[in-house]
Protein backbone atom coordinates (compact mmCIF):
# COMPACT_ATOMS: atom_id res chain seq x y z
CA MET A 1 0.00 0.00 0.00
CA THR A 2 1.24 3.48 -0.83
CA THR A 3 2.00 5.48 2.29
CA PHE A 4 -0.03 8.64 2.79
CA LYS A 5 0.83 10.82 5.77
CA GLN A 6 -2.72 11.94 6.35
CA TYR A 7 -2.37 13.38 9.80
CA ALA A 8 1.01 15.12 9.71
CA ARG A 9 -0.04 18.68 8.98
CA PHE A 10 1.65 22.02 9.24
CA LEU A 11 0.58 25.58 8.57
CA ARG A 12 2.27 27.73 5.94
CA PRO A 13 1.40 31.24 7.21
CA ALA A 14 2.93 32.96 4.19
CA LEU A 15 0.62 31.00 1.93
CA ALA A 16 -2.47 31.14 4.07
CA VAL A 17 -5.69 32.51 2.69
CA THR A 18 -8.74 33.13 4.87
CA ALA A 19 -11.94 32.88 2.91
CA VAL A 20 -14.16 34.65 5.41
CA ALA A 21 -11.90 37.69 5.30
CA LEU A 22 -11.57 37.76 1.54
CA SER A 23 -13.35 40.60 -0.14
CA ALA A 24 -14.67 40.12 -3.65
CA VAL A 25 -12.71 42.14 -6.16
CA ALA A 26 -13.51 43.25 -9.65
CA VAL A 27 -12.29 41.12 -12.53
CA SER A 28 -9.12 42.75 -13.77
CA ALA A 29 -7.75 43.18 -17.25
CA THR A 30 -6.01 40.27 -18.90
CA PRO A 31 -2.43 39.94 -17.61
CA ALA A 32 0.52 39.34 -19.86
CA SER A 33 0.31 35.83 -21.27
CA ALA A 34 2.79 33.18 -20.22
CA VAL A 35 4.06 30.07 -21.94
CA SER A 36 2.28 27.19 -20.26
CA ARG A 37 4.28 24.00 -19.75
CA SER A 38 1.05 22.02 -19.96
CA ASP A 39 0.39 23.55 -23.40
CA ILE A 40 3.81 22.31 -24.57
CA VAL A 41 3.10 18.79 -23.32
CA ALA A 42 -0.38 18.88 -24.83
CA LYS A 43 1.07 19.87 -28.21
CA ALA A 44 3.70 17.12 -28.05
CA THR A 45 0.97 14.64 -27.13
CA SER A 46 -1.22 15.82 -29.99
CA GLU A 47 1.64 15.30 -32.45
CA LEU A 48 2.35 11.89 -30.94
CA ASN A 49 -1.22 10.84 -31.66
CA ASP A 50 -1.44 12.39 -35.14
CA SER A 51 -1.22 9.25 -37.28
CA SER A 52 -0.86 11.34 -40.43
CA ARG A 53 2.66 12.45 -39.46
CA ASN A 54 3.94 10.68 -36.35
CA HIS A 55 6.22 8.48 -38.45
CA GLU A 56 8.58 8.52 -41.40
CA SER A 57 7.04 7.78 -44.80
CA PRO A 58 8.15 5.51 -46.33
CA SER A 59 9.24 3.84 -43.09
CA GLY A 60 12.95 4.22 -42.49
CA SER A 61 13.39 6.70 -45.35
CA GLY A 62 14.09 9.77 -43.20
CA CYS A 63 11.18 11.58 -44.92
CA ASN A 64 9.27 13.48 -42.24
CA TYR A 65 6.82 16.34 -41.84
CA TYR A 66 8.82 18.43 -39.35
CA THR A 67 11.97 18.85 -41.43
CA GLY A 68 9.75 19.79 -44.36
CA TYR A 69 8.04 22.43 -42.23
CA PHE A 70 11.28 24.20 -41.28
CA ARG A 71 14.09 23.22 -43.66
CA THR A 72 12.81 23.49 -47.19
CA TRP A 73 16.27 23.05 -48.70
CA LYS A 74 16.54 19.43 -47.57
CA PRO A 75 16.04 16.68 -50.21
CA ALA A 76 12.45 15.60 -50.90
CA ASP A 77 12.97 12.67 -53.30
CA GLY A 78 10.37 10.00 -52.60
CA CYS A 79 8.80 11.99 -49.75
CA PRO A 80 5.02 12.65 -49.53
CA SER A 81 3.23 15.92 -48.76
CA SER A 82 0.54 16.68 -46.16
CA ASP A 83 -1.20 19.76 -44.78
CA GLY A 84 0.50 21.88 -47.41
CA VAL A 85 4.00 20.77 -46.36
CA GLN A 86 6.42 18.88 -48.60
CA TRP A 87 8.08 16.29 -46.37
CA ARG A 88 11.88 16.18 -46.50
CA ASN A 89 14.67 13.77 -45.64
CA SER A 90 16.81 14.44 -42.55
CA ASP A 91 17.35 13.50 -38.92
CA TRP A 92 14.39 15.23 -37.29
CA CYS A 93 14.40 15.05 -33.49
CA ALA A 94 15.35 18.73 -33.22
CA ASP A 95 12.82 19.72 -35.90
CA PHE A 96 10.10 17.99 -33.85
CA ALA A 97 11.14 19.68 -30.59
CA LYS A 98 11.39 23.07 -32.30
CA TYR A 99 7.95 22.59 -33.86
CA VAL A 100 6.34 21.76 -30.50
CA TRP A 101 7.98 24.72 -28.79
CA SER A 102 7.22 27.20 -31.55
CA LYS A 103 3.56 26.13 -31.82
CA SER A 104 3.25 26.54 -28.04
CA GLY A 105 4.48 30.13 -28.16
CA VAL A 106 7.91 29.60 -26.63
CA THR A 107 9.97 32.80 -26.76
CA HIS A 108 12.67 32.75 -29.46
CA ALA A 109 11.70 29.26 -30.68
CA GLY A 110 10.32 30.58 -33.95
CA ILE A 111 13.37 32.62 -35.00
CA PRO A 112 14.47 31.30 -38.40
CA GLU A 113 17.49 29.04 -38.60
CA GLY A 114 20.59 31.08 -39.38
CA GLU A 115 19.29 34.09 -37.43
CA GLY A 116 20.21 32.87 -33.96
CA GLY A 117 17.21 30.65 -33.32
CA LEU A 118 16.81 26.90 -32.98
CA SER A 119 18.05 24.77 -35.84
CA GLY A 120 17.80 21.20 -37.08
CA TRP A 121 20.74 20.26 -34.85
CA ALA A 122 20.00 18.81 -31.42
CA TYR A 123 22.76 20.87 -29.81
CA SER A 124 20.84 24.06 -30.67
CA LEU A 125 18.35 23.22 -27.91
CA ARG A 126 21.23 23.11 -25.41
CA ASP A 127 22.72 26.31 -26.82
CA TYR A 128 19.32 27.99 -26.43
CA GLY A 129 19.30 27.22 -22.71
CA GLN A 130 22.88 28.38 -22.28
CA LYS A 131 22.18 31.63 -24.12
CA TYR A 132 19.05 32.51 -22.15
CA GLY A 133 20.09 31.13 -18.76
CA THR A 134 17.73 28.16 -18.60
CA TRP A 135 20.26 25.33 -19.08
CA HIS A 136 20.64 22.65 -16.37
CA THR A 137 23.11 19.78 -16.52
CA ARG A 138 22.06 16.29 -15.47
CA GLY A 139 24.21 16.44 -12.34
CA SER A 140 23.08 19.88 -11.21
CA GLY A 141 20.26 18.57 -9.02
CA TYR A 142 17.64 20.22 -11.24
CA THR A 143 14.27 18.45 -11.44
CA PRO A 144 13.23 18.35 -15.11
CA GLN A 145 9.90 20.07 -15.71
CA PRO A 146 7.14 19.36 -18.24
CA GLY A 147 7.93 21.13 -21.51
CA ASP A 148 11.71 21.15 -21.04
CA ALA A 149 13.98 19.98 -23.85
CA ILE A 150 16.09 16.99 -22.80
CA THR A 151 19.36 16.44 -24.70
CA PHE A 152 21.40 13.26 -25.08
CA ASP A 153 25.05 12.46 -25.77
CA TRP A 154 24.93 8.79 -26.78
CA GLY A 155 28.71 8.34 -26.90
CA ASN A 156 29.64 10.62 -23.98
CA ASP A 157 32.02 12.36 -26.37
CA GLY A 158 30.67 15.88 -26.06
CA ASP A 159 28.44 15.72 -29.15
CA ILE A 160 24.69 16.19 -28.70
CA ASN A 161 23.01 13.38 -30.65
CA HIS A 162 19.33 13.60 -29.77
CA VAL A 163 16.68 15.78 -28.12
CA GLY A 164 13.12 15.27 -26.84
CA ILE A 165 10.35 16.99 -24.85
CA VAL A 166 9.94 16.22 -21.14
CA THR A 167 6.36 15.32 -20.16
CA SER A 168 6.96 14.70 -16.45
CA ALA A 169 9.52 13.45 -13.94
CA THR A 170 9.71 11.68 -10.61
CA SER A 171 12.66 11.56 -8.22
CA SER A 172 14.12 8.69 -10.24
CA THR A 173 12.65 8.78 -13.77
CA VAL A 174 12.12 11.31 -16.54
CA TYR A 175 9.38 10.74 -19.13
CA THR A 176 9.52 12.13 -22.65
CA ILE A 177 7.92 12.42 -26.07
CA GLU A 178 10.54 12.36 -28.84
CA GLY A 179 10.57 12.73 -32.59
CA ASN A 180 12.82 10.47 -34.68
CA SER A 181 12.84 7.77 -32.01
CA GLY A 182 12.82 4.49 -33.91
CA ASN A 183 11.86 6.43 -37.07
CA ARG A 184 8.69 7.79 -35.44
CA THR A 185 7.34 9.91 -32.59
CA GLN A 186 7.02 7.95 -29.37
CA ARG A 187 7.06 8.05 -25.57
CA ASN A 188 10.21 7.06 -23.72
CA SER A 189 11.45 7.03 -20.14
CA TYR A 190 14.94 7.13 -18.63
CA SER A 191 16.58 6.91 -15.26
CA ARG A 192 17.44 10.45 -14.25
CA ASP A 193 21.03 9.38 -13.55
CA ASN A 194 21.43 7.93 -17.06
CA VAL A 195 24.90 9.12 -18.11
CA GLU A 196 23.73 9.67 -21.70
CA ILE A 197 21.45 12.52 -20.57
CA GLU A 198 23.49 15.69 -20.96
CA GLY A 199 20.93 18.08 -19.50
CA TYR A 200 17.78 20.14 -19.88
CA SER A 201 16.84 23.49 -21.42
CA ALA A 202 13.75 25.16 -20.01
CA PRO A 203 11.70 27.23 -22.47
CA VAL A 204 12.03 30.95 -21.79
CA GLY A 205 8.97 32.36 -20.01
CA ALA A 206 7.52 28.94 -19.22
CA THR A 207 5.43 28.53 -16.12
CA SER A 208 3.97 25.43 -14.56
CA GLY A 209 0.63 25.87 -16.26
CA SER A 210 -2.08 23.49 -15.18
CA SER A 211 -3.81 21.03 -17.44
CA TYR A 212 -6.41 20.39 -14.78
CA GLY A 213 -9.97 21.45 -15.16
CA ALA A 214 -11.04 21.66 -18.79
CA ASP A 215 -10.20 23.34 -22.07
CA PHE A 216 -12.96 22.23 -24.41
CA ASP A 217 -12.51 24.88 -27.08
CA GLY A 218 -8.75 24.44 -27.32
CA ASN A 219 -7.71 28.05 -26.68
CA GLY A 220 -5.37 27.17 -23.82
CA VAL A 221 -7.57 28.79 -21.16
CA GLY A 222 -9.53 26.85 -18.53
CA ASP A 223 -13.28 26.45 -19.00
CA ILE A 224 -16.15 25.87 -16.56
CA PHE A 225 -18.63 23.07 -17.14
CA ALA A 226 -21.68 21.88 -15.20
CA THR A 227 -24.99 20.08 -15.62
CA ALA A 228 -28.45 21.42 -14.82
CA ASP A 229 -31.72 19.56 -15.36
CA GLY A 230 -29.84 16.82 -17.19
CA THR A 231 -28.17 19.19 -19.68
CA LEU A 232 -24.42 19.81 -19.94
CA HIS A 233 -23.33 23.46 -20.19
CA VAL A 234 -19.90 25.00 -20.81
CA TRP A 235 -18.55 28.48 -20.14
CA ASN A 236 -15.36 28.95 -22.16
CA GLY A 237 -12.56 30.90 -20.51
CA LYS A 238 -11.25 33.95 -22.36
CA GLY A 239 -8.34 34.77 -20.05
CA GLY A 240 -8.23 37.51 -17.41
CA ASN A 241 -10.82 35.58 -15.34
CA ASN A 242 -13.46 36.28 -17.98
CA PHE A 243 -15.79 33.75 -19.58
CA GLU A 244 -17.88 33.49 -22.71
CA THR A 245 -21.66 33.20 -22.61
CA ARG A 246 -22.95 29.79 -21.56
CA VAL A 247 -22.97 27.13 -24.29
CA GLU A 248 -25.56 24.34 -24.10
CA VAL A 249 -23.62 21.23 -25.12
CA GLY A 250 -26.41 18.68 -24.89
CA PRO A 251 -29.08 16.87 -22.81
CA GLY A 252 -29.13 13.31 -21.47
CA TRP A 253 -26.93 13.72 -18.42
CA ALA A 254 -29.52 13.04 -15.71
CA PRO A 255 -28.46 9.39 -15.17
CA PHE A 256 -24.82 10.40 -14.73
CA SER A 257 -22.82 11.67 -11.77
CA LYS A 258 -21.24 15.10 -11.88
CA PRO A 259 -18.69 14.81 -14.74
CA ILE A 260 -14.95 15.42 -14.40
CA ALA A 261 -12.51 16.53 -17.09
CA GLY A 262 -9.07 15.37 -18.21
CA ASP A 263 -7.17 14.23 -21.28
CA PHE A 264 -7.90 10.54 -20.86
CA ASN A 265 -7.01 9.36 -24.36
CA GLY A 266 -3.84 11.44 -24.72
CA ASP A 267 -4.82 13.44 -27.80
CA GLY A 268 -4.33 16.85 -26.22
CA LYS A 269 -8.08 17.58 -25.98
CA SER A 270 -10.12 17.62 -22.77
CA ASP A 271 -12.47 14.68 -22.27
CA LEU A 272 -15.22 13.97 -19.74
CA VAL A 273 -15.77 11.04 -17.37
CA ALA A 274 -18.90 10.27 -15.33
CA VAL A 275 -20.66 7.35 -13.65
CA LYS A 276 -24.05 6.22 -14.96
CA ASP A 277 -26.78 5.03 -12.59
CA GLY A 278 -24.28 4.82 -9.75
CA SER A 279 -22.40 1.95 -11.38
CA THR A 280 -20.71 2.15 -14.79
CA LEU A 281 -17.90 4.56 -15.64
CA HIS A 282 -18.21 6.27 -19.04
CA VAL A 283 -15.91 8.54 -21.02
CA TRP A 284 -16.70 11.10 -23.74
CA ASN A 285 -13.70 12.02 -25.85
CA GLY A 286 -13.38 15.72 -26.60
CA LYS A 287 -13.11 16.71 -30.26
CA GLY A 288 -12.27 20.38 -29.66
CA GLY A 289 -14.68 23.27 -30.15
CA ASN A 290 -16.87 22.07 -27.24
CA GLY A 291 -17.75 18.87 -29.13
CA PHE A 292 -17.60 15.30 -27.84
CA GLY A 293 -17.77 11.79 -29.23
CA GLY A 294 -20.30 9.20 -28.08
CA ALA A 295 -20.17 7.72 -24.58
CA VAL A 296 -17.77 4.79 -24.15
CA ALA A 297 -18.58 2.43 -21.25
CA LEU A 298 -15.38 1.65 -19.35
CA GLY A 299 -16.73 -0.72 -16.70
CA PRO A 300 -19.09 -1.28 -13.72
CA GLY A 301 -18.46 -1.20 -9.98
CA TRP A 302 -18.03 2.54 -9.52
CA GLY A 303 -21.00 3.09 -7.18
CA PRO A 304 -18.91 3.75 -4.03
CA TYR A 305 -16.89 6.44 -5.85
CA ALA A 306 -19.46 8.25 -8.02
CA GLY A 307 -19.96 11.13 -5.63
CA THR A 308 -16.28 11.93 -5.05
CA LEU A 309 -14.68 11.18 -8.42
CA THR A 310 -12.08 13.78 -9.39
CA SER A 311 -9.45 14.33 -12.08
CA VAL A 312 -6.08 14.67 -10.42
CA GLY A 313 -3.77 15.11 -13.40
CA ASP A 314 -0.61 12.98 -13.47
CA VAL A 315 0.23 11.68 -9.98
CA ASN A 316 2.44 8.72 -10.92
CA GLY A 317 4.66 10.68 -13.31
CA ASP A 318 4.06 8.67 -16.48
CA GLY A 319 2.71 11.62 -18.46
CA ARG A 320 -0.90 10.42 -18.48
CA ASP A 321 -3.92 11.82 -16.63
CA ASP A 322 -5.20 9.90 -13.60
CA ILE A 323 -8.38 9.96 -11.54
CA ALA A 324 -9.06 9.67 -7.81
CA ALA A 325 -12.00 9.15 -5.47
CA VAL A 326 -12.85 8.47 -1.83
CA GLY A 327 -14.65 5.31 -0.71
CA ASP A 328 -15.45 4.60 2.96
CA GLY A 329 -13.07 7.36 4.00
CA THR A 330 -10.13 5.98 1.99
CA LEU A 331 -8.52 7.74 -0.95
CA TYR A 332 -7.90 5.70 -4.12
CA VAL A 333 -6.16 6.53 -7.40
CA TRP A 334 -6.62 4.93 -10.81
CA ASN A 335 -3.71 5.57 -13.17
CA GLY A 336 -4.67 6.34 -16.75
CA ASN A 337 -3.10 4.44 -19.63
CA GLY A 338 -3.59 7.24 -22.16
CA SER A 339 -6.15 5.24 -24.16
CA ASN A 340 -9.34 5.79 -22.13
CA GLY A 341 -8.38 2.96 -19.77
CA PHE A 342 -7.36 2.96 -16.12
CA GLY A 343 -5.33 0.55 -14.02
CA ASN A 344 -6.44 -1.13 -10.84
CA ALA A 345 -7.29 1.00 -7.82
CA VAL A 346 -4.25 2.10 -5.81
CA GLU A 347 -5.07 2.59 -2.13
CA ILE A 348 -3.43 5.84 -1.08
CA GLY A 349 -4.61 5.90 2.52
CA PRO A 350 -7.47 6.35 5.03
CA GLY A 351 -8.57 9.42 6.97
CA TRP A 352 -10.60 11.19 4.30
CA GLY A 353 -13.97 10.94 6.03
CA SER A 354 -13.64 14.45 7.45
CA PHE A 355 -12.72 16.04 4.11
CA SER A 356 -14.85 17.38 1.30
CA LYS A 357 -14.61 15.90 -2.17
CA PRO A 358 -11.01 16.50 -3.31
CA VAL A 359 -10.11 18.43 -6.44
CA GLY A 360 -6.94 18.14 -8.49
CA GLY A 361 -4.46 20.74 -9.68
CA ASP A 362 -0.77 21.54 -9.86
CA PHE A 363 -0.71 23.86 -6.89
CA ASP A 364 3.04 23.88 -6.25
CA GLY A 365 4.09 24.24 -9.88
CA ASP A 366 6.23 21.09 -10.18
CA GLY A 367 4.23 19.50 -13.00
CA ILE A 368 2.89 16.64 -10.83
CA GLY A 369 -0.78 16.42 -9.81
CA ASP A 370 -1.79 17.61 -6.34
CA LEU A 371 -5.03 17.40 -4.34
CA ALA A 372 -7.02 20.00 -2.39
CA ALA A 373 -9.93 19.45 0.01
CA VAL A 374 -11.68 21.14 2.92
CA LYS A 375 -11.50 19.53 6.37
CA ASP A 376 -14.51 19.59 8.70
CA GLY A 377 -16.18 22.15 6.48
CA SER A 378 -13.67 24.84 7.34
CA THR A 379 -9.94 24.62 6.51
CA LEU A 380 -8.52 24.19 3.02
CA HIS A 381 -5.69 21.66 2.79
CA ILE A 382 -3.33 20.69 -0.04
CA TRP A 383 -1.42 17.45 -0.62
CA ASN A 384 1.41 17.89 -3.13
CA GLY A 385 2.04 14.98 -5.47
CA LYS A 386 5.59 13.63 -5.46
CA GLY A 387 5.24 11.15 -8.34
CA ALA A 388 4.75 7.35 -8.18
CA ASN A 389 1.31 7.94 -6.55
CA ASN A 390 2.91 9.46 -3.45
CA PHE A 391 1.82 12.66 -1.74
CA SER A 392 3.39 14.96 0.81
CA ALA A 393 1.85 15.61 4.19
CA ALA A 394 -1.21 17.86 4.24
CA ILE A 395 -0.58 21.60 4.16
CA ALA A 396 -3.20 23.73 5.92
CA ILE A 397 -3.82 26.72 3.66
CA GLY A 398 -6.37 28.52 5.81
CA PRO A 399 -9.80 28.44 7.49
CA GLY A 400 -13.11 29.95 6.43
CA TRP A 401 -13.95 27.65 3.51
CA ALA A 402 -17.21 26.28 4.92
CA PRO A 403 -19.43 28.13 2.39
CA TYR A 404 -17.42 26.64 -0.48
CA ALA A 405 -16.60 23.09 0.65
CA GLY A 406 -19.47 21.41 -1.17
CA SER A 407 -18.81 23.03 -4.56
CA LEU A 408 -15.01 23.35 -4.76
CA MET A 409 -13.77 22.82 -8.33
CA SER A 410 -10.50 22.95 -10.21
CA LEU A 411 -10.53 25.21 -13.27
CA GLY A 412 -7.06 24.89 -14.76
CA ASP A 413 -5.64 28.29 -15.72
CA VAL A 414 -8.40 30.86 -16.29
CA ASN A 415 -6.41 34.09 -15.99
CA ARG A 416 -3.66 32.86 -18.35
CA ASP A 417 -0.76 33.34 -15.94
CA GLY A 418 0.33 29.70 -16.12
CA HIS A 419 -0.92 28.72 -12.64
CA GLY A 420 -3.84 26.49 -11.69
CA ASP A 421 -6.91 28.18 -10.22
CA ILE A 422 -9.89 27.00 -8.15
CA ALA A 423 -13.51 28.10 -7.88
CA ALA A 424 -16.62 27.49 -5.80
CA VAL A 425 -20.24 28.61 -5.50
CA ASN A 426 -21.78 30.24 -2.43
CA ASN A 427 -25.45 31.28 -2.32
CA GLY A 428 -25.66 30.98 -6.08
CA THR A 429 -22.63 33.20 -6.76
CA LEU A 430 -19.46 31.89 -8.40
CA TYR A 431 -16.13 32.87 -6.84
CA LEU A 432 -12.64 32.31 -8.19
CA TRP A 433 -9.23 32.14 -6.50
CA ASN A 434 -6.17 32.49 -8.76
CA GLY A 435 -3.28 30.21 -7.85
CA ASN A 436 0.23 31.61 -7.48
CA GLY A 437 2.00 28.33 -8.30
CA SER A 438 3.36 27.94 -4.75
CA ASN A 439 0.33 26.42 -2.97
CA GLY A 440 -1.14 29.88 -2.41
CA PHE A 441 -4.19 31.67 -3.79
CA GLY A 442 -5.14 35.29 -4.28
CA ASN A 443 -8.22 37.05 -2.99
CA ALA A 444 -11.66 35.80 -3.94
CA ILE A 445 -12.92 37.19 -7.24
CA GLU A 446 -16.68 37.41 -7.63
CA ILE A 447 -17.48 36.16 -11.12
CA GLY A 448 -21.25 36.52 -10.93
CA PRO A 449 -24.59 35.25 -9.60
CA GLY A 450 -27.04 32.74 -11.08
CA TRP A 451 -25.06 29.56 -10.42
CA ALA A 452 -27.46 27.81 -8.01
CA PRO A 453 -28.77 25.36 -10.67
CA TYR A 454 -25.25 24.12 -11.44
CA VAL A 455 -23.86 23.27 -7.99
């Protein structure tokens, strides 16, 4: 059984937030946008699952989409075309990493080759980090973060031979998505003390953006979703704590528990999971633009967990979203396999009978899923994920959360600062607390009334 230090708690006064003393403040203007690490991982995942270009064609030929996108002078003999790009023949790990970074808005990643930007050489990702002060060697003690570029020196001769994108890391293992790995894009994992790892370059301006909550329209900003009278509704985030007008997604949700969101099939789009008739778990795969595929029945036996089911992000460090729930006062985690499936229940530990339904988020900014819940209807606590389904001791954030305990929700990043936020409803009014990425939250922001039907 995984050890969970449920009762060892300590107060972090500098991070404390007292809900009863928080005054509602006006929604402010949109802050400067940040590069979200979760967006980088989502883009790498999307490319991994794009069967039209996640491989060389013909196999083993060196012909690939990413070189064709950037380096139009490379040979194209025998190479196909797709999406308006003539594929071209070259080693392409660096082209893949550059593509993922540039499409995610990483500063300087899009500068053309020859003008000081990234190139088709793997060493350019290291040089980028050295130039902008974000380079960390393997032996420096640095914990690789989601979205970092990881570079390899296969012969330990000083030459950089390969590069990939970090999706997550534990104390012992780093997980990646890499182009040109076995002539295709694929997931890999390595011991963090592997001597062939040279080091890591962090993307300039990157923050530990949260993938928790939902992003159904694909704009990189967290959305709100809820059901009322059996109909699913979505409010798309616009950034700056603002939301679009409510969108009615569809009826037929009355037999289902309150849905939760996550990327359960690994395609970079937010999906939904819910329990039907107190028994069978179902998933709806997001298609982007607030659309979903048909319900897929995953399996029965979920009655004890239907009321507390939550998306917790990646708590075992394998780069895939997981779910959690409480049954008979004990917390359990089910690790996702990235293909709509989940492993067997992992018993994390007892002692959850006095806590509200937990919600997931990356509240300390380390790229690993955390949990938050309210104890005895009053004090907000956080448990930081450490990877491998382990959590730190509970951190007491502050009292005064009684009005919000029953409706606490994780929103992802709704003000576009790269940090996970939370929300709750009190007396029909929605309130929002922006996370600071260090287990703390700002003052309550009053979003608006009229939310009683959706709690």
